[in-house]
Amino acid sequence: MRDVLGSGEDRSVLADERAAMRDRPPRELISLADDEGNSVSVNVLGRSPGWTAGLDAEIVVKTPFVSGRIDLALYVARLESWADALDRLDAGEDVAWMKMSSGPSIFIQATGERDCPEVVVEDESGSMVTLRVPLVPPDDWVADHRRRLRQVMDHWVPALSG
C-alpha cells in the first residue's frame, strides 16, 4: 500500500511544481467570485513598457449575463490605497478604490442594491459604463486579499522606479 504522500518520485514532482509557482510572478491582486458565476478580478500583467514606475493590469468582470475587461495602470500608491481599502472593508465599511482618478474605479459595498454584497466597476472617464456585480465572497476573503497584495508588493514593487 502506498503511503499518503505518495512515492519519492511523486514528492519530487510536487516540490518542482511548488518551486515553479514561487518563481512565477503573482498575477491576481483581486479575485472575487461566487457560486452563481459572477466574478471581478484585477490581474497584474507585468511591468509597463512605457512607464518604469507602473504596472500594466486589467479589471475582468464575468457574469452569466455580461463579461468584459478594461486596462488599468497600477503603481505603488494605488497598491497602498488597496491596503487601506482592505482595512476599511475588514472594519465593515464600504470602499471606493481608485475613485477620482483617471481610469476605472472599483467600489465594494457590504450591502448593495440587491441586499447582498456588490462590486461596482465604473469607467466614467473612458467608456462611461458601470457594471454592478452582486456576489457573496467567502468569509476569509479580506485575509486572502491581504496575502495577494503582499505577494504582488513583494514581487513587483522592488522592480519599479520613479
Protein backbone atom coordinates (compact mmCIF):
# COMPACT_ATOMS: atom_id res chain seq x y z
CA MET A 1 0.00 0.00 0.00
CA ARG A 2 1.36 3.42 -0.97
CA ASP A 3 1.79 5.97 1.82
CA VAL A 4 -0.41 9.06 1.89
CA LEU A 5 2.26 11.33 0.43
CA GLY A 6 2.99 9.01 -2.47
CA SER A 7 6.28 7.75 -3.80
CA GLY A 8 9.54 9.65 -3.71
CA GLU A 9 9.05 10.47 -7.40
CA ASP A 10 5.60 11.96 -6.66
CA ARG A 11 7.11 14.09 -3.89
CA SER A 12 9.81 15.47 -6.18
CA VAL A 13 7.23 16.37 -8.82
CA LEU A 14 5.15 18.19 -6.20
CA ALA A 15 8.26 20.01 -4.94
CA ASP A 16 9.11 21.06 -8.50
CA GLU A 17 5.55 22.35 -9.03
CA ARG A 18 5.68 24.36 -5.79
CA ALA A 19 9.06 25.84 -6.76
CA ALA A 20 7.73 26.81 -10.19
CA MET A 21 4.74 28.54 -8.59
CA ARG A 22 7.06 30.53 -6.33
CA ASP A 23 9.08 31.63 -9.36
CA ARG A 24 6.02 32.84 -11.27
CA PRO A 25 5.11 36.46 -10.65
CA PRO A 26 1.84 36.88 -8.76
CA ARG A 27 -0.94 37.84 -11.18
CA GLU A 28 -4.23 38.07 -9.25
CA LEU A 29 -4.39 41.10 -6.99
CA ILE A 30 -8.17 40.82 -6.63
CA SER A 31 -10.25 37.71 -7.17
CA LEU A 32 -13.85 37.88 -6.00
CA ALA A 33 -16.24 35.20 -7.21
CA ASP A 34 -19.36 33.35 -6.16
CA ASP A 35 -21.12 30.09 -6.97
CA GLU A 36 -23.50 31.85 -9.39
CA GLY A 37 -20.77 32.54 -11.97
CA ASN A 38 -20.18 36.18 -11.02
CA SER A 39 -16.61 37.39 -10.64
CA VAL A 40 -14.48 40.51 -10.56
CA SER A 41 -10.72 40.28 -10.71
CA VAL A 42 -7.74 42.57 -11.08
CA ASN A 43 -4.84 40.87 -12.81
CA VAL A 44 -1.28 42.21 -12.95
CA LEU A 45 0.01 41.71 -16.50
CA GLY A 46 3.58 42.92 -15.94
CA ARG A 47 5.75 46.00 -15.88
CA SER A 48 4.56 48.81 -18.08
CA PRO A 49 6.91 49.16 -21.06
CA GLY A 50 6.22 52.88 -21.27
CA TRP A 51 6.41 53.78 -17.58
CA THR A 52 9.11 52.43 -15.27
CA ALA A 53 7.08 53.21 -12.13
CA GLY A 54 3.97 51.37 -13.26
CA LEU A 55 2.42 48.00 -13.87
CA ASP A 56 0.04 47.07 -16.64
CA ALA A 57 -3.06 45.40 -15.23
CA GLU A 58 -6.65 44.68 -16.14
CA ILE A 59 -10.01 44.52 -14.45
CA VAL A 60 -12.01 41.49 -15.62
CA VAL A 61 -15.73 41.11 -14.93
CA LYS A 62 -17.55 37.86 -15.70
CA THR A 63 -21.20 37.13 -15.13
CA PRO A 64 -23.70 34.81 -16.83
CA PHE A 65 -25.15 37.96 -18.44
CA VAL A 66 -22.18 40.18 -19.34
CA SER A 67 -18.41 39.93 -19.37
CA GLY A 68 -15.72 42.48 -20.07
CA ARG A 69 -12.27 43.78 -19.31
CA ILE A 70 -10.58 47.13 -19.11
CA ASP A 71 -6.93 48.14 -18.92
CA LEU A 72 -5.65 49.54 -15.66
CA ALA A 73 -2.39 51.15 -14.58
CA LEU A 74 -1.10 50.20 -11.13
CA TYR A 75 1.64 51.91 -9.18
CA VAL A 76 2.82 51.89 -5.58
CA ALA A 77 0.33 54.50 -4.31
CA ARG A 78 -2.60 52.56 -5.80
CA LEU A 79 -1.40 49.33 -4.21
CA GLU A 80 -1.04 51.12 -0.86
CA SER A 81 -4.56 52.54 -1.22
CA TRP A 82 -5.83 48.97 -1.82
CA ALA A 83 -4.24 48.04 1.54
CA ASP A 84 -6.17 50.90 3.17
CA ALA A 85 -9.36 49.77 1.43
CA LEU A 86 -8.89 46.23 2.79
CA ASP A 87 -8.54 47.65 6.31
CA ARG A 88 -11.81 49.57 5.91
CA LEU A 89 -13.57 46.52 4.44
CA ASP A 90 -12.38 44.44 7.39
CA ALA A 91 -13.96 47.06 9.67
CA GLY A 92 -17.27 46.62 7.83
CA GLU A 93 -17.10 49.81 5.75
CA ASP A 94 -17.89 50.20 2.06
CA VAL A 95 -14.94 51.33 -0.05
CA ALA A 96 -14.18 53.16 -3.25
CA TRP A 97 -10.81 52.18 -4.69
CA MET A 98 -9.23 54.47 -7.29
CA LYS A 99 -12.20 56.88 -7.12
CA MET A 100 -11.50 60.32 -8.51
CA SER A 101 -8.50 59.23 -10.55
CA SER A 102 -8.11 58.73 -14.25
CA GLY A 103 -9.27 55.33 -15.35
CA PRO A 104 -11.71 52.89 -13.81
CA SER A 105 -12.86 52.76 -10.19
CA ILE A 106 -13.90 49.82 -8.05
CA PHE A 107 -16.48 50.13 -5.29
CA ILE A 108 -17.18 47.33 -2.83
CA GLN A 109 -20.40 47.58 -0.87
CA ALA A 110 -21.27 45.27 2.01
CA THR A 111 -24.96 45.64 1.22
CA GLY A 112 -25.70 46.73 -2.32
CA GLU A 113 -28.89 47.50 -4.18
CA ARG A 114 -29.97 43.84 -4.05
CA ASP A 115 -29.43 43.43 -0.29
CA CYS A 116 -26.22 41.46 -0.79
CA PRO A 117 -22.57 42.43 -1.24
CA GLU A 118 -21.77 44.10 -4.57
CA VAL A 119 -18.73 45.07 -6.53
CA VAL A 120 -19.26 48.05 -8.80
CA VAL A 121 -16.78 48.68 -11.61
CA GLU A 122 -17.10 52.13 -13.13
CA ASP A 123 -15.28 53.53 -16.14
CA GLU A 124 -16.56 57.07 -16.00
CA SER A 125 -13.60 58.67 -17.77
CA GLY A 126 -13.46 56.21 -20.68
CA SER A 127 -16.40 54.13 -21.83
CA MET A 128 -18.80 55.70 -19.31
CA VAL A 129 -20.02 52.18 -18.41
CA THR A 130 -20.83 50.99 -14.91
CA LEU A 131 -21.20 47.32 -14.01
CA ARG A 132 -22.81 46.25 -10.74
CA VAL A 133 -21.93 42.67 -9.80
CA PRO A 134 -23.71 41.12 -6.81
CA LEU A 135 -21.66 38.39 -5.20
CA VAL A 136 -21.05 36.87 -1.82
CA PRO A 137 -17.32 36.32 -1.22
CA PRO A 138 -16.09 33.66 1.21
CA ASP A 139 -15.74 34.60 4.88
CA ASP A 140 -11.93 34.84 4.75
CA TRP A 141 -11.73 36.94 1.59
CA VAL A 142 -10.16 40.03 3.21
CA ALA A 143 -7.31 37.96 4.68
CA ASP A 144 -6.88 36.23 1.33
CA HIS A 145 -6.65 39.61 -0.43
CA ARG A 146 -4.12 40.92 2.08
CA ARG A 147 -1.98 37.88 1.21
CA ARG A 148 -2.45 38.57 -2.52
CA LEU A 149 -1.49 42.21 -2.06
CA ARG A 150 1.60 41.28 -0.05
CA GLN A 151 2.71 38.87 -2.80
CA VAL A 152 2.19 41.49 -5.52
CA MET A 153 4.02 44.17 -3.50
CA ASP A 154 6.91 41.85 -2.58
CA HIS A 155 7.42 40.79 -6.18
CA TRP A 156 6.65 43.89 -8.24
CA VAL A 157 7.41 46.98 -6.14
CA PRO A 158 11.20 46.43 -5.92
CA ALA A 159 11.29 46.34 -9.73
CA LEU A 160 9.55 49.71 -10.07
CA SER A 161 11.39 53.01 -10.08
CA GLY A 162 10.35 56.58 -10.35
